[in-house]
Structures are given as structure tokens and as C-alpha cells.
Protein backbone atom coordinates (compact mmCIF):
# COMPACT_ATOMS: atom_id res chain seq x y z
CA MET A 1 -3.36 191.94 120.90
CA ILE A 2 -1.27 191.39 124.00
CA PRO A 3 1.87 193.70 123.83
CA LEU A 4 4.94 191.43 122.60
CA SER A 5 8.56 193.12 121.66
CA LEU A 6 9.83 192.43 118.46
CA ALA A 7 12.25 190.44 120.02
CA GLU A 8 9.90 188.15 122.22
CA ILE A 9 7.98 187.51 118.17
CA ALA A 10 11.37 186.33 116.90
CA ASP A 11 11.80 184.61 120.16
CA ILE A 12 8.21 182.34 119.33
CA THR A 13 8.07 182.56 115.61
CA GLY A 14 12.20 180.83 115.57
CA GLY A 15 13.11 183.62 113.37
CA GLN A 16 15.67 186.62 113.06
CA LEU A 17 14.91 190.38 113.18
CA HIS A 18 15.92 192.56 110.00
CA ASP A 19 16.68 196.23 110.11
CA ILE A 20 15.11 196.49 113.41
CA PRO A 21 16.90 199.36 115.01
CA ASP A 22 15.13 198.48 118.99
CA PRO A 23 14.36 195.08 119.40
CA THR A 24 12.51 195.76 122.52
CA ALA A 25 9.98 197.72 120.53
CA GLN A 26 6.40 196.14 121.01
CA VAL A 27 3.48 194.94 118.68
CA THR A 28 0.31 196.34 120.95
CA GLY A 29 -2.00 197.08 117.32
CA PRO A 30 -3.88 193.65 115.26
CA VAL A 31 -1.80 191.83 113.01
CA VAL A 32 -3.11 192.04 109.58
CA ILE A 33 -2.14 190.53 106.27
CA ASP A 34 -3.73 193.24 104.30
CA SER A 35 -1.62 196.60 104.14
CA ARG A 36 -4.24 198.31 103.58
CA GLU A 37 -5.43 197.50 107.46
CA VAL A 38 -2.63 198.35 109.32
CA GLU A 39 -2.90 200.86 112.58
CA ASP A 40 -0.33 202.37 114.48
CA GLY A 41 1.46 199.10 116.49
CA SER A 42 0.73 196.41 113.81
CA LEU A 43 1.94 193.35 112.81
CA PHE A 44 1.86 193.04 108.92
CA ALA A 45 2.00 189.65 108.27
CA ALA A 46 3.29 189.64 104.39
CA PHE A 47 1.75 186.26 102.29
CA ALA A 48 3.32 185.57 98.58
CA GLY A 49 0.13 184.70 97.37
CA GLU A 50 -0.91 183.48 93.03
CA ARG A 51 -1.48 186.99 92.19
CA VAL A 52 -0.18 189.38 94.81
CA ASP A 53 3.02 188.69 97.04
CA GLY A 54 2.58 190.87 100.51
CA HIS A 55 6.75 191.30 100.65
CA ASP A 56 5.70 193.87 98.14
CA TYR A 57 3.70 196.18 100.40
CA ALA A 58 5.86 196.02 103.37
CA ALA A 59 7.36 199.27 103.10
CA ALA A 60 3.85 200.16 102.81
CA ALA A 61 2.35 198.63 105.76
CA VAL A 62 5.31 200.04 107.57
CA ALA A 63 4.87 203.73 106.40
CA ALA A 64 1.07 203.21 107.66
CA GLY A 65 1.98 202.38 110.75
CA ALA A 66 3.27 199.00 111.34
CA ARG A 67 5.75 198.27 113.91
CA ALA A 68 7.58 195.46 111.67
CA VAL A 69 7.08 192.96 108.97
CA LEU A 70 6.57 189.09 109.76
CA ALA A 71 8.02 187.68 106.26
CA THR A 72 10.01 184.98 104.71
CA ARG A 73 12.69 187.15 103.27
CA PRO A 74 14.48 190.39 104.16
CA VAL A 75 11.89 193.36 102.87
CA GLY A 76 14.44 196.36 103.47
CA VAL A 77 11.94 197.64 106.27
CA PRO A 78 11.42 196.20 110.32
CA ALA A 79 11.39 192.79 109.66
CA VAL A 80 10.63 188.93 111.83
CA VAL A 81 12.05 186.70 109.44
CA VAL A 82 10.62 183.67 109.45
CA ASP A 83 10.25 180.24 107.13
CA ASP A 84 6.70 179.76 106.94
CA VAL A 85 4.43 182.81 108.06
CA VAL A 86 1.21 180.34 107.86
CA ALA A 87 3.19 178.11 111.05
CA ALA A 88 4.47 181.87 112.60
CA LEU A 89 0.99 183.16 113.06
CA GLY A 90 0.24 179.79 114.40
CA ALA A 91 3.00 180.06 117.03
CA LEU A 92 2.35 183.16 118.13
CA ALA A 93 -1.70 182.67 118.39
CA GLY A 94 -0.81 179.37 120.49
CA ALA A 95 1.45 181.82 123.06
CA VAL A 96 -1.83 184.26 123.34
CA VAL A 97 -4.02 182.21 124.44
CA GLU A 98 -1.50 180.49 126.87
CA ARG A 99 -0.28 184.09 128.47
CA ILE A 100 -4.24 185.60 128.55
CA GLY A 101 -5.46 182.22 129.96
CA THR A 102 -9.07 182.94 128.11
CA ASP A 103 -11.89 179.85 127.84
CA VAL A 104 -11.30 178.81 123.44
CA VAL A 105 -14.69 178.08 122.41
CA ALA A 106 -14.27 175.90 118.92
CA LEU A 107 -17.25 175.19 116.96
CA THR A 108 -17.54 173.50 113.56
CA GLY A 109 -20.08 171.94 111.17
CA SER A 110 -21.49 171.45 107.84
CA ALA A 111 -23.88 174.45 107.73
CA GLY A 112 -24.45 177.07 109.72
CA LYS A 113 -20.92 177.55 111.65
CA THR A 114 -20.98 181.42 111.17
CA SER A 115 -24.19 182.62 111.81
CA THR A 116 -24.31 180.29 115.30
CA LYS A 117 -20.26 181.91 115.98
CA ASP A 118 -22.03 185.10 115.50
CA LEU A 119 -24.90 184.09 117.75
CA ILE A 120 -22.66 182.57 120.71
CA ALA A 121 -20.52 185.71 119.97
CA GLN A 122 -23.04 188.08 121.07
CA VAL A 123 -24.83 186.21 123.69
CA LEU A 124 -21.27 185.82 125.29
CA GLN A 125 -20.71 189.47 125.12
CA HIS A 126 -23.67 189.79 128.08
CA HIS A 127 -21.76 188.23 129.78
CA ALA A 128 -17.61 189.03 129.62
CA PRO A 129 -15.49 190.16 127.05
CA THR A 130 -15.35 188.34 123.95
CA VAL A 131 -13.53 187.94 120.41
CA TRP A 132 -15.03 186.03 117.89
CA THR A 133 -13.98 184.90 114.10
CA PRO A 134 -14.95 187.88 111.68
CA GLY A 135 -16.80 186.32 108.79
CA ASN A 136 -15.76 182.67 107.93
CA LEU A 137 -12.21 183.47 108.49
CA ASN A 138 -11.89 180.16 109.74
CA ASN A 139 -8.84 178.58 107.97
CA GLU A 140 -5.00 178.43 109.05
CA ILE A 141 -4.30 181.86 108.54
CA GLY A 142 -7.85 183.62 109.55
CA LEU A 143 -8.20 181.55 113.01
CA PRO A 144 -4.69 182.91 114.26
CA VAL A 145 -5.75 186.02 112.84
CA THR A 146 -8.25 186.23 115.32
CA THR A 147 -6.37 184.63 118.15
CA LEU A 148 -4.24 187.34 117.73
CA ARG A 149 -7.34 189.85 118.25
CA ALA A 150 -7.65 188.76 122.08
CA THR A 151 -6.59 191.29 124.51
CA ALA A 152 -5.52 190.70 128.43
CA GLU A 153 -8.93 191.66 129.11
CA THR A 154 -10.75 188.81 126.67
CA ARG A 155 -12.44 185.96 128.84
CA HIS A 156 -14.25 184.13 125.85
CA LEU A 157 -12.66 183.43 122.90
CA VAL A 158 -14.96 182.28 119.68
CA LEU A 159 -13.48 180.29 116.93
CA GLU A 160 -14.99 178.28 113.78
CA MET A 161 -13.15 175.85 112.02
CA GLY A 162 -13.54 174.77 108.78
CA ALA A 163 -12.21 171.60 106.99
CA ARG A 164 -11.72 170.54 103.95
CA GLY A 165 -10.16 167.04 104.50
CA ILE A 166 -8.85 165.21 106.64
CA GLY A 167 -6.61 166.63 110.04
CA HIS A 168 -7.43 170.02 109.00
CA ILE A 169 -9.18 170.96 112.35
CA ARG A 170 -6.65 168.44 114.14
CA TYR A 171 -4.17 171.01 113.19
CA LEU A 172 -6.46 174.56 114.18
CA THR A 173 -7.33 172.73 116.89
CA ARG A 174 -3.05 172.16 118.09
CA LEU A 175 -2.85 176.15 117.29
CA THR A 176 -5.64 177.16 119.91
CA PRO A 177 -6.59 174.25 122.46
CA PRO A 178 -10.36 174.27 123.38
CA ARG A 179 -12.03 173.59 126.27
CA ILE A 180 -15.39 173.19 124.47
CA GLY A 181 -16.18 172.02 121.68
CA LEU A 182 -19.18 172.10 119.61
CA VAL A 183 -20.51 170.59 116.36
CA LEU A 184 -23.94 171.64 114.72
CA ASN A 185 -23.97 169.11 111.96
CA VAL A 186 -22.34 166.40 109.23
CA GLY A 187 -24.04 167.49 105.96
CA SER A 188 -23.27 167.47 102.40
CA ALA A 189 -20.91 170.54 102.18
CA HIS A 190 -17.89 170.01 100.21
CA ILE A 191 -18.69 166.04 99.84
CA GLY A 192 -17.03 166.15 96.45
CA GLU A 193 -13.70 166.61 98.05
CA PHE A 194 -14.12 164.23 101.38
CA GLY A 195 -15.96 161.54 99.08
CA GLY A 196 -19.37 160.78 102.06
CA ARG A 197 -20.59 161.78 105.43
CA GLU A 198 -19.09 159.55 107.63
CA ALA A 199 -15.55 161.19 105.91
CA ILE A 200 -16.61 163.89 106.77
CA ALA A 201 -18.14 162.73 110.29
CA GLN A 202 -14.13 161.58 110.72
CA ALA A 203 -12.84 165.65 109.92
CA LYS A 204 -15.75 167.54 111.79
CA GLY A 205 -15.10 164.86 115.22
CA GLU A 206 -10.75 165.56 115.40
CA LEU A 207 -12.50 168.27 117.30
CA VAL A 208 -13.99 166.89 120.36
CA GLU A 209 -10.84 164.43 120.34
CA ALA A 210 -8.88 167.13 120.91
CA LEU A 211 -11.05 168.06 124.44
CA PRO A 212 -9.26 168.08 127.34
CA SER A 213 -10.94 165.21 129.83
CA ALA A 214 -13.90 166.31 131.50
CA ALA A 215 -12.10 165.81 135.20
CA GLU A 216 -9.92 168.73 133.51
CA GLY A 217 -13.12 170.85 132.48
CA GLY A 218 -13.17 169.53 128.82
CA VAL A 219 -16.94 170.20 127.36
CA ALA A 220 -18.44 169.01 123.78
CA VAL A 221 -21.64 170.34 122.87
CA LEU A 222 -23.27 167.81 120.73
CA ASN A 223 -26.33 167.75 118.34
CA ALA A 224 -28.70 165.63 119.67
CA ASP A 225 -30.69 165.64 116.32
CA ASP A 226 -27.56 164.71 114.29
CA LEU A 227 -26.90 160.90 114.62
CA LEU A 228 -23.57 161.29 113.59
CA VAL A 229 -22.84 164.32 115.24
CA ARG A 230 -24.40 162.71 118.55
CA ALA A 231 -22.27 159.39 118.55
CA MET A 232 -18.77 161.86 118.51
CA SER A 233 -19.38 161.28 122.29
CA ALA A 234 -17.94 158.23 122.08
CA ARG A 235 -14.83 159.86 120.64
CA THR A 236 -14.47 162.27 122.89
CA LYS A 237 -12.92 162.12 126.93
CA ALA A 238 -14.72 165.19 127.15
CA ARG A 239 -18.22 165.70 129.30
CA THR A 240 -20.80 165.91 126.53
CA VAL A 241 -24.17 168.84 126.58
CA LEU A 242 -26.58 167.46 123.84
CA PHE A 243 -28.58 170.76 122.86
CA GLY A 244 -31.77 169.62 119.90
CA GLU A 245 -35.21 169.16 120.20
CA ALA A 246 -34.86 165.51 121.43
CA GLU A 247 -36.06 165.00 124.31
CA ASP A 248 -33.44 163.62 126.24
CA ALA A 249 -31.24 166.78 124.80
CA ASP A 250 -29.60 169.33 127.94
CA VAL A 251 -30.80 172.16 125.98
CA ARG A 252 -33.85 171.77 123.99
CA ALA A 253 -36.15 174.15 122.78
CA THR A 254 -40.51 173.55 122.89
CA GLU A 255 -43.45 174.91 121.20
CA VAL A 256 -41.79 176.04 118.21
CA ARG A 257 -43.97 178.21 116.05
CA MET A 258 -43.09 180.93 113.18
CA THR A 259 -43.94 184.16 113.24
CA PRO A 260 -45.76 185.85 110.03
CA GLN A 261 -42.20 187.63 109.01
CA GLY A 262 -40.59 183.90 109.43
CA GLN A 263 -38.94 184.09 112.46
CA PRO A 264 -38.70 181.73 114.84
CA SER A 265 -40.20 181.15 118.77
CA PHE A 266 -39.94 179.02 120.90
CA THR A 267 -39.27 178.08 124.72
CA LEU A 268 -35.76 177.41 125.81
CA HIS A 269 -35.24 174.32 128.09
CA THR A 270 -31.88 174.10 130.36
CA PRO A 271 -30.93 172.41 132.88
CA THR A 272 -31.63 175.72 135.16
CA GLY A 273 -34.74 176.73 133.89
CA CYS A 274 -37.00 177.77 130.59
CA SER A 275 -37.30 181.55 129.38
CA ASP A 276 -38.82 182.35 125.90
CA VAL A 277 -36.79 183.27 123.09
CA THR A 278 -38.35 184.89 119.72
CA LEU A 279 -35.57 185.69 117.32
CA ARG A 280 -34.86 187.98 115.17
CA LEU A 281 -33.14 185.68 112.40
CA TYR A 282 -35.64 184.16 109.29
CA GLY A 283 -36.30 180.73 109.48
CA GLU A 284 -37.22 178.27 111.82
CA HIS A 285 -33.04 176.10 110.53
CA HIS A 286 -31.84 178.88 113.12
CA VAL A 287 -33.69 177.30 116.43
CA SER A 288 -30.80 174.41 116.09
CA ASN A 289 -28.12 177.61 116.09
CA ALA A 290 -29.68 179.08 118.78
CA LEU A 291 -29.55 176.12 120.91
CA ALA A 292 -26.39 175.27 120.11
CA ALA A 293 -25.17 178.51 121.32
CA ALA A 294 -27.37 178.49 124.63
CA ALA A 295 -26.22 175.50 125.28
CA VAL A 296 -22.39 176.79 125.22
CA ALA A 297 -23.61 180.36 127.02
CA HIS A 298 -25.02 177.66 129.92
CA VAL A 299 -21.76 175.58 130.12
CA LEU A 300 -20.23 178.68 130.40
CA GLY A 301 -22.28 179.49 133.45
CA MET A 302 -25.19 182.20 132.05
CA SER A 303 -28.73 181.71 133.36
CA VAL A 304 -31.27 180.72 131.40
CA ASP A 305 -32.56 184.32 131.71
CA GLU A 306 -29.77 185.88 130.60
CA ILE A 307 -29.16 183.18 127.56
CA ALA A 308 -32.73 183.76 126.54
CA THR A 309 -32.67 187.78 126.50
CA ALA A 310 -29.10 188.01 124.69
CA LEU A 311 -31.22 185.30 122.11
CA SER A 312 -33.82 187.27 122.02
CA ALA A 313 -31.98 190.51 120.78
CA ALA A 314 -28.67 189.04 118.53
CA GLY A 315 -28.69 190.10 114.74
CA THR A 316 -26.94 188.85 112.09
CA LEU A 317 -22.98 189.83 112.17
CA SER A 318 -21.87 188.25 108.90
CA ARG A 319 -22.77 189.36 105.18
CA TRP A 320 -25.08 187.95 102.73
CA ARG A 321 -26.17 185.26 105.55
CA MET A 322 -30.57 185.71 105.42
CA GLU A 323 -30.13 189.62 105.01
CA VAL A 324 -33.79 190.69 105.23
CA THR A 325 -33.91 194.25 103.46
CA GLU A 326 -37.72 196.12 102.61
CA ARG A 327 -37.35 198.40 99.81
CA ALA A 328 -39.49 201.19 99.93
CA ASP A 329 -42.25 200.45 97.13
CA GLY A 330 -42.93 197.13 99.40
CA VAL A 331 -40.41 194.64 98.11
CA THR A 332 -38.48 192.38 100.63
CA VAL A 333 -35.03 191.44 99.36
CA VAL A 334 -33.04 187.66 100.90
CA ASN A 335 -29.94 187.88 100.44
CA ASP A 336 -28.34 184.49 101.36
CA ALA A 337 -25.77 184.27 98.48
CA TYR A 338 -22.37 183.96 100.59
CA ASN A 339 -22.61 180.38 100.08
CA ALA A 340 -25.04 177.39 99.49
CA ASN A 341 -25.27 173.40 100.26
CA PRO A 342 -27.96 171.36 100.16
CA GLU A 343 -29.06 171.72 103.94
CA SER A 344 -28.18 175.26 103.67
CA MET A 345 -30.39 175.86 100.63
CA ARG A 346 -33.50 173.79 101.87
CA ALA A 347 -32.98 175.87 105.18
CA ALA A 348 -33.65 178.87 103.07
CA LEU A 349 -36.19 177.42 100.98
CA ARG A 350 -38.28 176.57 103.66
CA ALA A 351 -37.56 180.58 105.45
CA LEU A 352 -38.66 182.02 102.32
CA ALA A 353 -42.13 179.57 102.07
CA ALA A 354 -43.14 180.83 105.99
CA MET A 355 -42.74 184.24 105.03
CA GLY A 356 -44.87 183.96 102.13
CA GLY A 357 -48.00 183.67 104.25
CA SER A 358 -46.73 187.32 105.03
CA ALA A 359 -46.51 188.00 101.34
CA GLN A 360 -49.35 186.92 100.40
CA ALA A 361 -51.54 188.84 102.90
CA LYS A 362 -50.04 191.94 101.22
CA GLY A 363 -50.13 190.29 97.55
CA GLY A 364 -46.95 189.49 96.81
CA ARG A 365 -45.49 186.52 95.80
CA THR A 366 -42.62 184.59 96.86
CA TRP A 367 -39.00 183.97 94.30
CA ALA A 368 -36.48 181.90 94.45
CA VAL A 369 -33.45 183.17 92.28
CA LEU A 370 -31.07 180.09 92.73
CA GLY A 371 -27.55 179.28 91.45
CA PRO A 372 -25.37 176.52 91.73
CA MET A 373 -23.74 175.11 94.76
CA ALA A 374 -20.31 173.58 94.14
CA GLU A 375 -17.96 171.00 95.27
CA LEU A 376 -20.78 167.79 95.42
CA GLY A 377 -19.09 165.62 93.22
CA ASP A 378 -21.45 163.16 92.07
CA ASP A 379 -24.41 163.92 93.87
CA SER A 380 -24.33 167.76 92.00
CA LEU A 381 -27.58 166.35 89.69
CA ALA A 382 -29.33 164.59 92.01
CA GLU A 383 -29.15 166.68 94.55
CA HIS A 384 -29.57 170.51 92.52
CA ASP A 385 -32.74 168.46 91.24
CA ALA A 386 -33.87 167.78 94.76
CA VAL A 387 -34.07 171.45 95.25
CA GLY A 388 -35.79 172.17 92.06
CA ARG A 389 -37.99 169.87 93.01
CA LEU A 390 -38.23 171.42 97.04
CA VAL A 391 -39.38 174.70 95.07
CA VAL A 392 -42.65 173.45 94.30
CA ARG A 393 -43.08 171.16 96.85
CA LEU A 394 -43.20 174.74 98.85
CA ASN A 395 -45.14 176.81 97.08
CA VAL A 396 -42.73 179.15 95.92
CA SER A 397 -44.13 181.38 93.69
CA LYS A 398 -41.59 181.63 90.69
CA LEU A 399 -37.63 179.86 90.36
CA VAL A 400 -35.15 181.84 88.35
CA ALA A 401 -32.44 179.51 88.05
CA VAL A 402 -29.17 181.08 87.10
CA GLY A 403 -26.21 179.83 85.27
CA GLY A 404 -25.49 177.01 83.22
CA ARG A 405 -25.34 172.74 83.70
CA GLU A 406 -26.85 173.24 87.41
CA ALA A 407 -28.63 175.74 87.06
CA SER A 408 -30.68 173.83 84.68
CA TRP A 409 -30.48 170.73 87.12
CA LEU A 410 -32.56 173.08 89.37
CA GLN A 411 -35.22 174.15 86.95
CA LEU A 412 -35.48 170.10 85.57
CA GLY A 413 -36.46 169.64 89.13
CA ALA A 414 -38.40 171.82 89.31
CA TYR A 415 -40.09 170.87 85.58
CA ASN A 416 -40.63 167.42 86.78
CA GLU A 417 -42.27 168.38 90.31
CA GLY A 418 -44.81 169.98 88.45
CA SER A 419 -43.94 173.67 88.10
CA TRP A 420 -45.27 175.01 84.38
CA GLY A 421 -45.59 177.97 82.32
CA GLU A 422 -43.75 180.59 83.43
CA GLU A 423 -43.35 178.93 87.31
CA SER A 424 -39.78 178.70 86.61
CA VAL A 425 -37.26 179.94 84.21
CA LEU A 426 -33.34 179.63 83.56
CA VAL A 427 -31.21 182.31 82.67
CA SER A 428 -27.68 182.84 81.68
CA ASP A 429 -26.36 184.34 84.64
CA ALA A 430 -26.78 187.38 87.00
CA GLN A 431 -27.52 190.36 84.87
CA ALA A 432 -30.06 188.30 83.29
CA ALA A 433 -31.60 187.35 86.39
CA VAL A 434 -32.00 191.50 87.65
CA ASP A 435 -33.55 192.18 84.27
CA LEU A 436 -36.21 189.86 84.71
CA LEU A 437 -36.28 190.71 88.16
CA ARG A 438 -36.66 193.91 87.28
CA SER A 439 -39.13 193.50 84.99
CA GLU A 440 -41.63 191.12 86.83
CA LEU A 441 -41.69 192.03 90.53
CA ARG A 442 -44.21 194.15 92.09
CA PRO A 443 -44.97 195.75 95.54
CA GLY A 444 -45.26 192.77 98.07
CA ASP A 445 -42.97 190.46 96.72
CA VAL A 446 -40.19 188.73 98.45
CA VAL A 447 -36.82 187.74 96.97
CA LEU A 448 -34.56 184.94 98.19
CA VAL A 449 -31.59 185.02 96.46
CA LYS A 450 -28.69 181.98 97.09
CA ALA A 451 -25.80 180.23 96.13
CA SER A 452 -22.20 179.09 96.32
CA ARG A 453 -20.04 181.88 96.95
CA SER A 454 -18.45 181.68 92.99
CA ALA A 455 -21.23 181.89 91.50
CA GLY A 456 -21.55 185.66 92.55
CA LEU A 457 -25.15 185.99 93.30
CA GLU A 458 -24.69 188.73 95.49
CA ARG A 459 -24.77 191.17 92.64
CA VAL A 460 -28.38 189.99 92.12
CA ALA A 461 -29.44 191.36 95.50
CA GLN A 462 -26.83 194.43 95.52
CA ALA A 463 -28.49 195.61 91.88
CA LEU A 464 -32.42 195.21 93.51
CA LEU A 465 -31.14 197.45 96.45
CA GLU A 466 -29.10 199.35 94.69
CA GLY A 467 -29.92 200.29 91.16
CA GLU A 468 -27.17 198.37 89.10
CA VAL A 469 -25.06 194.98 89.01
CA ALA A 470 -21.70 195.56 90.56
CA GLY A 471 -19.10 195.31 88.17
CA ARG A 472 -21.39 195.78 84.99
């Protein structure tokens, strides 16, 4: 964070200083919302949650080195007291971006946001100092906390923006106005909350509506292969740059192919030339993510060779997203259990199928350990049934459906598509899945673990790698 005095913070947030002997004392460390993450010079933002009230940890935060607490009431230690801590964080974030003058790159989409953000961050780091959203802290709290990590040297600020309703992205863009806005896709994630893909497109398109005009440097980076995203060009005054495999895309891929290990390779084309890319990531769906990252990097002035080199070196920064680990006995575990929606589930299964060729060469099999996809509303049965059917169509060797009603729909889809005998099985919970896998896995097998975050299936992957189920 750029150094700010407590008096400046009070002025920016409209707060009042309490128990502060020296208003000129500066916050020089990060803004944190967990008292255990306090560093010397931090500002601790206290939130009152359903189970824990951060105000109760104010004294501990200051004792650990926090310069002060951002709070809604006096806490007996140095504090800036405000009406609303969320709004205060947003005001601070906006002030920091304005002072630094950094390029803000914002991205949204129904699937692939975090993986693409990680790619953009790694590519842009080759160009200039870059700060980006850690994990998926993409809401009204996570976005300003990320922004406040920027320093005077930061040239690129990459912010992932999530939405659970109309107006959410519009609010986030007002906190830290982006110059470059990237929309990846419009899918089925949270469709139960939005009510349909058109409503999702309306919400995601709020990002491009917030961009400055082309004359002011605004750029909308849009997926040419997604018709709902492509149509957003009519909703912005910014210059439009298209990415994808479509022939008219400004940044596109040709000669897409998969390595025997399931990693995509392609020729990257930009307006300045072409270069070959082989990703370290698994699954063909990452081609689109890589093209999105390449388009942003191109807009910011990187050459095609620089982009290709950076993409080929980029790895996974965020946990439980296609994390591929080979055990000592030759079993490969693919932990993609952070979250799931119909699009990401299909992409992960295709990646598993691509890895299957290498597995079969070792005498192994492919296993899909799948749990429920949340927030699908009335589409839930059809979507789970379709995923079960896809498992069979992709010739995945074994399906392990984990959980209750939704898992039974997965298995039913597989059964109706022709999965017989022991090719698919329904188990009640993570422990039952682990018990089955431990008794059945053999060297050369590849195991994909995927479900919505609420299912907690990362415990299955962890157990297969560590020998026990976390929290058993």
C-alpha cells in the first residue's frame, strides 16, 4: 500500500480518529481483514460477521503491529471509526488508484475467471510490476483489499470481478474504474440466481459499459467465440479487441492440439505477428483463457514473442484448480475441486479424457469423482444428467458420484447413456469416495475430483495425496 497517514485515511473515508496520539502516523503495511495476517504498519479492517466480530480482535491486531483499526465503533486502541467499513475500503481503494495512476485491468465471466486472471498476472509481470487478485477475492471486500496492495511502482492492477446479481459489477467498477475490461464468457454459473443467460449477460456487460471511450484509452477485450459476449461491443464506447478461434478475432489460435499429457499447444496470432505456445496447464479450455490473457498483454504493448514465452512458462497460482500431482505409485490426482458449473465441469472432463491416452499407455484408467453443481435452479436435474452422460461419451473409465440428490442425477445420466455394471457408482460422502478409491486405484490411473465448493470434495484429493481425509 502507498503510505497514508491516519489523518488522510479519516479524510478519505469520512471517519473519525479515536485513541490516536499521532494523526500523522502512517499506514505502510497491507490492509487486512484477518488479524492473524497483520504485519507491521498494517491497517486492520474489522467486520462484524455472523459468527465472528472483527472488533473483538482489534487489540490483538494492534499488539501484532497494526497501525490502527478501521472500525464502526471505538475499540479501545487506535482506530478510524466509519459508518460502513465496506464503503470505507472502497473509498480508500479508489483514492489509491487515482494517486498511483496505474492501469486497471478488470475481468469477469461465468467460468475461468481465476485461471485467466492468474495467466494475465504472470504474463504482465514480464512487462512491468503487477498486482492481482489473490485466489477469487472478487467481491466488494476482496477487490479493495487487493487494490490496496498496490504501491507507487505498480503499473498494472489486475482485478477479477464476480457478480451474483445485476448491479454488482457496476458497483465494483465505480470503486476502481478500469481502462481495460475483459469478458470471458456467459455460461450457467449462478443461473438459478440470475434466472437465465440473458440476465447473466446483462450483469457481465456492466463491465464494458463502465470503460472510458476509445479516445480516452478504453479497451473492451471480448470473446469472439461467445455470441453473447461478442454482442457487448454495442454496449461500450471503448475500442473493441476480439480474441478466440474465430477467423475475425484480433488475437486468435490456430493449429490447436493436445500433448499426450493433456496440455494444449497452438500458434498464437496477434496483429503484430505469430508465435508458438505450449501451456503448462491441463485442458483445451485453457486455450481460450490464454488468448484472453494474450489480448490484454497485446493491448498493453507486449510483443507476440514476449507473450508466447510468458504464457508457455505460466503455471497455476490458485489452489484446487486443475492441480495435477503424480503420486509415487504412478497414480495421478487432478484436484479441480474449488468450484464447478456445467461449463467448467465439461471442460474438466474433456481434460481428463485427453489425459486418458497417456494413462492407458501405462495400463491405467480415468476416474471422474464428481459432486453437485450448486445454484442451477430449475436446470439442476438436466445439467447433472447431461454431465453424467458426457462422462460416458468421453469414455471415462469410472464415475464416482458423491453426495445426495444431485449425485444421483449424475449417476442416472451415466446409466441412461450406457454405463453398466461397476462403471459408475454412487457414494454418500467424501470418506466413502476415499475408501472406494483406496481399494480400487492402481498405478497409471488418473483421478479427477470436481464439485461446487460447498461439497468440500477437495478433501478427497487431499486424502489421496496425504493419506487421510481432512477433518475426519
